[in-house]
Amino acid sequence: MYKSYVDDINMVMKATKPGLRFDGTELVSSETTIGEDQELETDERDMRLFRSIGNSINHSIEMEVD
């Protein structure tokens, strides 16, 4: 699901696996970050990843996660 209103977006997406990061060009999996990710709630971990991808699209736009 994807729904937007003015500058707000509501989404439903599948959870990612712990350790997944965006390096600026692609998604990479790292064994060293799996431990960090397991301490976070799934939705918090996924939104951090989503924010890093969104922020890389255009430097004049900064995503905010609620």
C-alpha atoms as a PDB file:
ATOM      1  CA  MET A   1       0.000   0.000   0.000  1.00  0.00           C
ATOM      2  CA  TYR A   2       1.183   3.493  -0.779  1.00  0.00           C
ATOM      3  CA  LYS A   3      -0.909   6.530   0.105  1.00  0.00           C
ATOM      4  CA  SER A   4       0.148  10.165   0.039  1.00  0.00           C
ATOM      5  CA  TYR A   5      -1.384  13.456   1.086  1.00  0.00           C
ATOM      6  CA  VAL A   6       0.400  16.769   0.488  1.00  0.00           C
ATOM      7  CA  ASP A   7       3.845  16.026   2.001  1.00  0.00           C
ATOM      8  CA  ASP A   8       2.942  12.907   4.050  1.00  0.00           C
ATOM      9  CA  ILE A   9       3.288   9.320   2.854  1.00  0.00           C
ATOM     10  CA  ASN A  10       1.797   6.185   4.403  1.00  0.00           C
ATOM     11  CA  MET A  11       3.266   2.860   3.319  1.00  0.00           C
ATOM     12  CA  VAL A  12       2.997  -0.829   4.018  1.00  0.00           C
ATOM     13  CA  MET A  13       6.041  -2.874   3.068  1.00  0.00           C
ATOM     14  CA  LYS A  14       7.680  -6.182   3.906  1.00  0.00           C
ATOM     15  CA  ALA A  15      10.254  -6.219   6.695  1.00  0.00           C
ATOM     16  CA  THR A  16      13.899  -6.389   5.681  1.00  0.00           C
ATOM     17  CA  LYS A  17      16.468  -8.747   7.136  1.00  0.00           C
ATOM     18  CA  PRO A  18      18.749  -7.466   9.920  1.00  0.00           C
ATOM     19  CA  GLY A  19      22.095  -6.132   8.700  1.00  0.00           C
ATOM     20  CA  LEU A  20      20.859  -4.613   5.442  1.00  0.00           C
ATOM     21  CA  ARG A  21      22.289  -1.161   4.626  1.00  0.00           C
ATOM     22  CA  PHE A  22      22.239   1.275   1.716  1.00  0.00           C
ATOM     23  CA  ASP A  23      25.758   2.324   0.733  1.00  0.00           C
ATOM     24  CA  GLY A  24      24.703   5.165  -1.557  1.00  0.00           C
ATOM     25  CA  THR A  25      24.255   3.070  -4.682  1.00  0.00           C
ATOM     26  CA  GLU A  26      22.963  -0.360  -3.638  1.00  0.00           C
ATOM     27  CA  LEU A  27      21.694  -2.463  -0.739  1.00  0.00           C
ATOM     28  CA  VAL A  28      24.405  -4.470   0.992  1.00  0.00           C
ATOM     29  CA  SER A  29      24.240  -6.974   3.817  1.00  0.00           C
ATOM     30  CA  SER A  30      26.793  -6.822   6.625  1.00  0.00           C
ATOM     31  CA  GLU A  31      27.395  -9.397   9.342  1.00  0.00           C
ATOM     32  CA  THR A  32      28.750  -6.695  11.678  1.00  0.00           C
ATOM     33  CA  THR A  33      25.500  -4.713  11.690  1.00  0.00           C
ATOM     34  CA  ILE A  34      23.172  -7.655  12.342  1.00  0.00           C
ATOM     35  CA  GLY A  35      23.719  -7.338  16.110  1.00  0.00           C
ATOM     36  CA  GLU A  36      22.846  -3.637  16.047  1.00  0.00           C
ATOM     37  CA  ASP A  37      19.687  -4.312  14.061  1.00  0.00           C
ATOM     38  CA  GLN A  38      18.467  -7.063  16.365  1.00  0.00           C
ATOM     39  CA  GLU A  39      18.263  -4.526  19.193  1.00  0.00           C
ATOM     40  CA  LEU A  40      15.806  -2.386  17.162  1.00  0.00           C
ATOM     41  CA  GLU A  41      12.136  -2.970  16.459  1.00  0.00           C
ATOM     42  CA  THR A  42      11.567  -4.153  12.888  1.00  0.00           C
ATOM     43  CA  ASP A  43       9.666  -1.023  11.861  1.00  0.00           C
ATOM     44  CA  GLU A  44      12.370   1.279  13.266  1.00  0.00           C
ATOM     45  CA  ARG A  45      15.117  -0.663  11.453  1.00  0.00           C
ATOM     46  CA  ASP A  46      13.226  -0.604   8.158  1.00  0.00           C
ATOM     47  CA  MET A  47      12.369   3.084   8.326  1.00  0.00           C
ATOM     48  CA  ARG A  48      16.010   3.991   8.998  1.00  0.00           C
ATOM     49  CA  LEU A  49      16.918   2.072   5.843  1.00  0.00           C
ATOM     50  CA  PHE A  50      14.081   3.696   3.871  1.00  0.00           C
ATOM     51  CA  ARG A  51      15.157   7.150   5.097  1.00  0.00           C
ATOM     52  CA  SER A  52      18.784   6.574   4.031  1.00  0.00           C
ATOM     53  CA  ILE A  53      17.638   5.580   0.540  1.00  0.00           C
ATOM     54  CA  GLY A  54      15.255   8.552   0.289  1.00  0.00           C
ATOM     55  CA  ASN A  55      17.854  11.049   1.508  1.00  0.00           C
ATOM     56  CA  SER A  56      20.295   9.881  -1.174  1.00  0.00           C
ATOM     57  CA  ILE A  57      17.934  10.772  -4.040  1.00  0.00           C
ATOM     58  CA  ASN A  58      18.299  14.553  -3.735  1.00  0.00           C
ATOM     59  CA  HIS A  59      20.426  16.399  -1.176  1.00  0.00           C
ATOM     60  CA  SER A  60      17.937  19.262  -0.919  1.00  0.00           C
ATOM     61  CA  ILE A  61      15.241  16.909   0.421  1.00  0.00           C
ATOM     62  CA  GLU A  62      15.488  15.365   3.887  1.00  0.00           C
ATOM     63  CA  MET A  63      13.108  12.586   4.899  1.00  0.00           C
ATOM     64  CA  GLU A  64      11.621  12.463   8.373  1.00  0.00           C
ATOM     65  CA  VAL A  65      10.404   9.253   9.994  1.00  0.00           C
ATOM     66  CA  ASP A  66       7.585   9.296  12.555  1.00  0.00           C
END
